Amino acid sequence: MGAKSRASSAAGKLAAGPRAVEKPLDRGASVGGTAASLDRIIHERLRLAIVSALSVNSILTFAELKKLLETTDGNLSVHSRKLEDAGYIAVEKKFEGRVPRTEYSLTTTGRAALERYLTHMEALIRATRHG
């Protein structure tokens, strides 16, 4: 699958959102109290977009992520480093000829964190709609 196909496929699926926290919202719990327990690593908009894109694409390059997420080099570098430091994404740097190529993939830890985040957000949405 080409970069354009992967990027458009991911863009359509980004709205699916992140994964949830350690435990779903207790029916009796207040929404405000559980929102505080959201995974702060993933909850930031660009980091959520990165892990969401990588959840539907096994590998994306720096250039593909930058284009897909419409962000700057600096922003992508800072946020991807934070995700890498947390163990949520793996980063592989290599060269194609003399041109550097950085590839990103979601780790098992990152996929589990995204799943917890999504579950938590879904619980918050249900509590808000039915509260």
N, C-alpha and C. Protein backbone atom coordinates (compact mmCIF):
# COMPACT_ATOMS: atom_id res chain seq x y z
N MET A 1 0.87 -1.17 0.00
CA MET A 1 0.00 0.00 0.00
C MET A 1 0.90 1.22 0.00
N GLY A 2 0.64 2.18 -0.88
CA GLY A 2 1.44 3.38 -0.98
C GLY A 2 1.19 4.34 0.15
N ALA A 3 2.08 5.32 0.28
CA ALA A 3 1.98 6.31 1.36
C ALA A 3 0.66 7.07 1.29
N LYS A 4 0.26 7.44 0.05
CA LYS A 4 -1.00 8.18 -0.09
C LYS A 4 -2.18 7.34 0.36
N SER A 5 -2.20 6.06 -0.02
CA SER A 5 -3.31 5.18 0.37
C SER A 5 -3.34 5.00 1.88
N ARG A 6 -2.15 4.79 2.49
CA ARG A 6 -2.10 4.63 3.94
C ARG A 6 -2.55 5.90 4.62
N ALA A 7 -2.11 7.05 4.11
CA ALA A 7 -2.47 8.33 4.74
C ALA A 7 -3.97 8.56 4.65
N SER A 8 -4.59 8.31 3.47
CA SER A 8 -6.02 8.57 3.38
C SER A 8 -6.82 7.56 4.18
N SER A 9 -6.32 6.32 4.24
CA SER A 9 -7.00 5.31 5.04
C SER A 9 -6.95 5.70 6.52
N ALA A 10 -5.80 6.16 6.96
CA ALA A 10 -5.66 6.56 8.37
C ALA A 10 -6.49 7.79 8.67
N ALA A 11 -6.54 8.73 7.76
CA ALA A 11 -7.29 9.97 8.00
C ALA A 11 -8.76 9.65 8.23
N GLY A 12 -9.30 8.71 7.48
CA GLY A 12 -10.70 8.34 7.66
C GLY A 12 -10.95 7.63 8.97
N LYS A 13 -9.93 6.95 9.49
CA LYS A 13 -10.10 6.17 10.71
C LYS A 13 -9.67 6.92 11.96
N LEU A 14 -9.04 8.08 11.82
CA LEU A 14 -8.58 8.83 12.98
C LEU A 14 -9.73 9.22 13.90
N ALA A 15 -10.88 9.45 13.34
CA ALA A 15 -12.02 9.87 14.14
C ALA A 15 -12.46 8.77 15.10
N ALA A 16 -12.03 7.54 14.85
CA ALA A 16 -12.39 6.45 15.74
C ALA A 16 -11.87 6.70 17.15
N GLY A 17 -10.78 7.45 17.28
CA GLY A 17 -10.34 7.93 18.57
C GLY A 17 -9.39 7.02 19.32
N PRO A 18 -9.02 7.44 20.52
CA PRO A 18 -8.06 6.77 21.36
C PRO A 18 -8.66 5.67 22.21
N ARG A 19 -7.83 5.02 22.96
CA ARG A 19 -8.31 3.94 23.82
C ARG A 19 -8.35 4.38 25.26
N ALA A 20 -8.94 3.56 26.08
CA ALA A 20 -9.33 4.00 27.42
C ALA A 20 -8.35 3.77 28.55
N VAL A 21 -8.84 4.14 29.72
CA VAL A 21 -8.04 4.10 30.94
C VAL A 21 -8.15 2.75 31.63
N GLU A 22 -7.49 2.63 32.79
CA GLU A 22 -7.41 1.36 33.49
C GLU A 22 -8.74 0.71 33.77
N LYS A 23 -9.75 1.47 34.15
CA LYS A 23 -11.04 0.86 34.43
C LYS A 23 -12.16 1.75 33.88
N PRO A 24 -13.21 1.14 33.36
CA PRO A 24 -14.32 1.93 32.83
C PRO A 24 -14.99 2.74 33.93
N LEU A 25 -15.72 3.73 33.51
CA LEU A 25 -16.42 4.62 34.43
C LEU A 25 -17.46 3.85 35.24
N ASP A 26 -17.38 3.98 36.54
CA ASP A 26 -18.37 3.39 37.43
C ASP A 26 -19.65 4.19 37.27
N ARG A 27 -20.78 3.52 37.16
CA ARG A 27 -22.07 4.19 36.93
C ARG A 27 -22.32 5.28 37.97
N GLY A 28 -21.84 5.09 39.21
CA GLY A 28 -22.07 6.07 40.26
C GLY A 28 -20.99 7.14 40.34
N ALA A 29 -19.94 6.99 39.57
CA ALA A 29 -18.83 7.95 39.64
C ALA A 29 -19.16 9.22 38.89
N SER A 30 -18.56 10.31 39.30
CA SER A 30 -18.78 11.57 38.58
C SER A 30 -17.87 11.62 37.36
N VAL A 31 -18.36 12.21 36.30
CA VAL A 31 -17.58 12.31 35.07
C VAL A 31 -16.32 13.11 35.30
N GLY A 32 -16.39 14.19 36.07
CA GLY A 32 -15.22 15.02 36.33
C GLY A 32 -14.10 14.25 37.01
N GLY A 33 -14.45 13.39 37.95
CA GLY A 33 -13.45 12.62 38.67
C GLY A 33 -12.72 11.64 37.78
N THR A 34 -13.41 11.01 36.85
CA THR A 34 -12.76 10.02 36.00
C THR A 34 -12.00 10.67 34.86
N ALA A 35 -12.40 11.85 34.46
CA ALA A 35 -11.67 12.53 33.39
C ALA A 35 -10.24 12.82 33.82
N ALA A 36 -10.05 13.05 35.11
CA ALA A 36 -8.72 13.34 35.63
C ALA A 36 -7.79 12.14 35.50
N SER A 37 -8.35 10.94 35.39
CA SER A 37 -7.51 9.74 35.31
C SER A 37 -7.20 9.34 33.86
N LEU A 38 -7.51 10.18 32.91
CA LEU A 38 -7.16 9.90 31.51
C LEU A 38 -5.65 9.81 31.36
N ASP A 39 -5.20 8.97 30.45
CA ASP A 39 -3.78 8.83 30.15
C ASP A 39 -3.29 10.14 29.52
N ARG A 40 -2.51 10.90 30.27
CA ARG A 40 -2.05 12.22 29.81
C ARG A 40 -1.07 12.14 28.66
N ILE A 41 -0.41 11.01 28.51
CA ILE A 41 0.51 10.84 27.38
C ILE A 41 -0.30 10.84 26.08
N ILE A 42 -1.35 10.07 26.04
CA ILE A 42 -2.16 9.93 24.82
C ILE A 42 -3.16 11.07 24.66
N HIS A 43 -3.63 11.63 25.75
CA HIS A 43 -4.74 12.59 25.69
C HIS A 43 -4.43 13.85 24.89
N GLU A 44 -3.18 14.26 24.79
CA GLU A 44 -2.83 15.45 24.00
C GLU A 44 -3.19 15.19 22.54
N ARG A 45 -3.77 16.19 21.89
CA ARG A 45 -4.32 16.03 20.55
C ARG A 45 -3.38 15.40 19.52
N LEU A 46 -2.17 15.92 19.39
CA LEU A 46 -1.27 15.40 18.36
C LEU A 46 -0.78 13.99 18.71
N ARG A 47 -0.53 13.73 19.98
CA ARG A 47 -0.10 12.38 20.36
C ARG A 47 -1.22 11.37 20.13
N LEU A 48 -2.45 11.76 20.41
CA LEU A 48 -3.60 10.89 20.13
C LEU A 48 -3.69 10.61 18.63
N ALA A 49 -3.48 11.63 17.83
CA ALA A 49 -3.52 11.46 16.38
C ALA A 49 -2.41 10.51 15.90
N ILE A 50 -1.23 10.63 16.49
CA ILE A 50 -0.11 9.76 16.11
C ILE A 50 -0.44 8.30 16.42
N VAL A 51 -0.85 8.01 17.65
CA VAL A 51 -1.14 6.61 18.00
C VAL A 51 -2.36 6.09 17.24
N SER A 52 -3.32 6.94 16.96
CA SER A 52 -4.49 6.51 16.18
C SER A 52 -4.08 6.16 14.76
N ALA A 53 -3.25 6.99 14.14
CA ALA A 53 -2.78 6.71 12.78
C ALA A 53 -1.97 5.42 12.75
N LEU A 54 -1.14 5.22 13.76
CA LEU A 54 -0.32 4.01 13.81
C LEU A 54 -1.13 2.77 14.17
N SER A 55 -2.29 2.95 14.75
CA SER A 55 -3.13 1.80 15.07
C SER A 55 -3.76 1.19 13.82
N VAL A 56 -3.86 1.98 12.76
CA VAL A 56 -4.45 1.48 11.50
C VAL A 56 -3.41 1.35 10.39
N ASN A 57 -2.17 1.68 10.69
CA ASN A 57 -1.06 1.53 9.75
C ASN A 57 0.09 0.90 10.52
N SER A 58 0.60 -0.22 10.03
CA SER A 58 1.66 -0.90 10.78
C SER A 58 2.92 -0.04 10.89
N ILE A 59 3.23 0.71 9.85
CA ILE A 59 4.40 1.59 9.84
C ILE A 59 4.05 2.85 9.07
N LEU A 60 4.47 3.99 9.61
CA LEU A 60 4.38 5.26 8.89
C LEU A 60 5.71 5.97 9.04
N THR A 61 6.14 6.64 7.98
CA THR A 61 7.38 7.40 8.04
C THR A 61 7.11 8.77 8.65
N PHE A 62 8.17 9.46 9.01
CA PHE A 62 8.07 10.81 9.54
C PHE A 62 7.31 11.70 8.54
N ALA A 63 7.71 11.61 7.27
CA ALA A 63 7.08 12.44 6.24
C ALA A 63 5.58 12.12 6.09
N GLU A 64 5.23 10.84 6.15
CA GLU A 64 3.82 10.45 6.03
C GLU A 64 3.01 10.97 7.21
N LEU A 65 3.55 10.82 8.42
CA LEU A 65 2.84 11.32 9.61
C LEU A 65 2.71 12.84 9.57
N LYS A 66 3.77 13.51 9.19
CA LYS A 66 3.74 14.97 9.12
C LYS A 66 2.65 15.44 8.16
N LYS A 67 2.59 14.81 7.00
CA LYS A 67 1.58 15.18 6.00
C LYS A 67 0.17 14.83 6.47
N LEU A 68 -0.01 13.63 6.97
CA LEU A 68 -1.30 13.16 7.44
C LEU A 68 -1.86 14.04 8.55
N LEU A 69 -1.00 14.41 9.49
CA LEU A 69 -1.44 15.16 10.66
C LEU A 69 -1.34 16.67 10.48
N GLU A 70 -0.82 17.08 9.32
CA GLU A 70 -0.69 18.50 8.99
C GLU A 70 -0.02 19.27 10.14
N THR A 71 1.19 18.83 10.47
CA THR A 71 1.94 19.45 11.56
C THR A 71 3.35 19.80 11.11
N THR A 72 4.09 20.42 11.98
CA THR A 72 5.45 20.83 11.66
C THR A 72 6.44 19.74 12.07
N ASP A 73 7.66 19.85 11.55
CA ASP A 73 8.72 18.91 11.92
C ASP A 73 8.94 18.93 13.43
N GLY A 74 9.03 20.13 13.98
CA GLY A 74 9.31 20.28 15.41
C GLY A 74 8.22 19.68 16.28
N ASN A 75 6.97 19.96 15.95
CA ASN A 75 5.84 19.42 16.71
C ASN A 75 5.84 17.90 16.67
N LEU A 76 6.01 17.35 15.48
CA LEU A 76 6.00 15.89 15.34
C LEU A 76 7.17 15.28 16.10
N SER A 77 8.33 15.90 16.03
CA SER A 77 9.50 15.38 16.74
C SER A 77 9.29 15.35 18.25
N VAL A 78 8.79 16.45 18.80
CA VAL A 78 8.58 16.55 20.25
C VAL A 78 7.56 15.53 20.73
N HIS A 79 6.43 15.43 20.04
CA HIS A 79 5.37 14.54 20.49
C HIS A 79 5.69 13.07 20.25
N SER A 80 6.38 12.78 19.15
CA SER A 80 6.76 11.38 18.92
C SER A 80 7.81 10.94 19.94
N ARG A 81 8.68 11.84 20.35
CA ARG A 81 9.69 11.52 21.37
C ARG A 81 9.00 11.18 22.70
N LYS A 82 7.98 11.95 23.04
CA LYS A 82 7.23 11.70 24.30
C LYS A 82 6.59 10.31 24.25
N LEU A 83 6.01 9.95 23.11
CA LEU A 83 5.39 8.62 22.95
C LEU A 83 6.45 7.52 22.97
N GLU A 84 7.60 7.79 22.36
CA GLU A 84 8.68 6.82 22.35
C GLU A 84 9.21 6.61 23.77
N ASP A 85 9.41 7.69 24.51
CA ASP A 85 9.90 7.60 25.89
C ASP A 85 8.94 6.81 26.78
N ALA A 86 7.64 6.89 26.49
CA ALA A 86 6.63 6.16 27.26
C ALA A 86 6.55 4.69 26.82
N GLY A 87 7.22 4.35 25.72
CA GLY A 87 7.18 2.98 25.21
C GLY A 87 5.96 2.69 24.35
N TYR A 88 5.25 3.74 23.94
CA TYR A 88 4.02 3.58 23.15
C TYR A 88 4.29 3.40 21.66
N ILE A 89 5.38 3.96 21.18
CA ILE A 89 5.73 3.79 19.77
C ILE A 89 7.20 3.37 19.67
N ALA A 90 7.51 2.67 18.58
CA ALA A 90 8.89 2.30 18.28
C ALA A 90 9.35 3.17 17.11
N VAL A 91 10.59 3.59 17.17
CA VAL A 91 11.14 4.47 16.13
C VAL A 91 12.37 3.78 15.54
N GLU A 92 12.39 3.67 14.23
CA GLU A 92 13.54 3.08 13.55
C GLU A 92 14.09 4.11 12.57
N LYS A 93 15.36 4.44 12.75
CA LYS A 93 16.01 5.41 11.86
C LYS A 93 16.97 4.65 10.97
N LYS A 94 16.88 4.93 9.68
CA LYS A 94 17.77 4.28 8.72
C LYS A 94 18.01 5.23 7.56
N PHE A 95 18.79 4.78 6.62
CA PHE A 95 19.08 5.59 5.45
C PHE A 95 18.68 4.84 4.19
N GLU A 96 18.12 5.56 3.25
CA GLU A 96 17.87 5.05 1.90
C GLU A 96 18.85 5.81 1.03
N GLY A 97 19.95 5.15 0.70
CA GLY A 97 21.04 5.87 0.05
C GLY A 97 21.64 6.80 1.08
N ARG A 98 21.62 8.09 0.82
CA ARG A 98 22.12 9.08 1.78
C ARG A 98 20.99 9.85 2.45
N VAL A 99 19.76 9.45 2.18
CA VAL A 99 18.60 10.16 2.72
C VAL A 99 18.11 9.46 3.99
N PRO A 100 18.03 10.21 5.10
CA PRO A 100 17.52 9.59 6.33
C PRO A 100 16.03 9.25 6.21
N ARG A 101 15.65 8.16 6.82
CA ARG A 101 14.25 7.72 6.83
C ARG A 101 13.92 7.26 8.24
N THR A 102 12.93 7.90 8.85
CA THR A 102 12.48 7.53 10.20
C THR A 102 11.12 6.88 10.08
N GLU A 103 11.01 5.67 10.64
CA GLU A 103 9.75 4.94 10.60
C GLU A 103 9.22 4.74 12.01
N TYR A 104 7.91 4.85 12.14
CA TYR A 104 7.24 4.72 13.43
C TYR A 104 6.26 3.56 13.37
N SER A 105 6.15 2.87 14.49
CA SER A 105 5.14 1.81 14.63
C SER A 105 4.62 1.82 16.07
N LEU A 106 3.42 1.34 16.24
CA LEU A 106 2.79 1.27 17.55
C LEU A 106 3.27 0.00 18.26
N THR A 107 3.70 0.12 19.51
CA THR A 107 4.14 -1.04 20.27
C THR A 107 2.93 -1.74 20.90
N THR A 108 3.16 -2.91 21.44
CA THR A 108 2.11 -3.63 22.16
C THR A 108 1.63 -2.79 23.34
N THR A 109 2.58 -2.16 24.03
CA THR A 109 2.24 -1.28 25.16
C THR A 109 1.40 -0.10 24.69
N GLY A 110 1.77 0.47 23.56
CA GLY A 110 1.02 1.60 23.00
C GLY A 110 -0.39 1.21 22.58
N ARG A 111 -0.51 0.04 21.98
CA ARG A 111 -1.83 -0.44 21.56
C ARG A 111 -2.73 -0.67 22.78
N ALA A 112 -2.17 -1.24 23.84
CA ALA A 112 -2.94 -1.47 25.07
C ALA A 112 -3.34 -0.14 25.71
N ALA A 113 -2.42 0.83 25.72
CA ALA A 113 -2.72 2.15 26.29
C ALA A 113 -3.82 2.84 25.48
N LEU A 114 -3.76 2.73 24.17
CA LEU A 114 -4.78 3.33 23.32
C LEU A 114 -6.13 2.66 23.57
N GLU A 115 -6.13 1.34 23.72
CA GLU A 115 -7.38 0.61 23.99
C GLU A 115 -7.99 1.06 25.32
N ARG A 116 -7.16 1.19 26.35
CA ARG A 116 -7.66 1.66 27.65
C ARG A 116 -8.22 3.08 27.53
N TYR A 117 -7.52 3.93 26.80
CA TYR A 117 -7.96 5.31 26.63
C TYR A 117 -9.31 5.37 25.92
N LEU A 118 -9.45 4.60 24.85
CA LEU A 118 -10.72 4.58 24.11
C LEU A 118 -11.88 4.09 24.97
N THR A 119 -11.62 3.04 25.73
CA THR A 119 -12.66 2.50 26.60
C THR A 119 -13.09 3.55 27.63
N HIS A 120 -12.11 4.24 28.19
CA HIS A 120 -12.40 5.29 29.17
C HIS A 120 -13.21 6.42 28.54
N MET A 121 -12.81 6.87 27.37
CA MET A 121 -13.54 7.95 26.69
C MET A 121 -14.97 7.52 26.36
N GLU A 122 -15.13 6.28 25.91
CA GLU A 122 -16.47 5.78 25.62
C GLU A 122 -17.33 5.78 26.88
N ALA A 123 -16.75 5.41 28.01
CA ALA A 123 -17.49 5.42 29.28
C ALA A 123 -17.87 6.84 29.67
N LEU A 124 -16.97 7.78 29.47
CA LEU A 124 -17.26 9.19 29.78
C LEU A 124 -18.40 9.71 28.90
N ILE A 125 -18.37 9.35 27.64
CA ILE A 125 -19.42 9.78 26.71
C ILE A 125 -20.76 9.19 27.11
N ARG A 126 -20.77 7.88 27.42
CA ARG A 126 -22.02 7.23 27.86
C ARG A 126 -22.55 7.90 29.12
N ALA A 127 -21.68 8.16 30.08
CA ALA A 127 -22.12 8.78 31.35
C ALA A 127 -22.67 10.19 31.10
N THR A 128 -22.06 10.90 30.21
CA THR A 128 -22.52 12.26 29.90
C THR A 128 -23.87 12.24 29.20
N ARG A 129 -24.05 11.34 28.27
CA ARG A 129 -25.31 11.26 27.52
C ARG A 129 -26.45 10.74 28.39
N HIS A 130 -26.15 9.86 29.31
CA HIS A 130 -27.19 9.23 30.13
C HIS A 130 -27.24 9.79 31.54
N GLY A 131 -26.39 10.79 31.81
CA GLY A 131 -26.28 11.35 33.16
C GLY A 131 -27.42 12.23 33.46
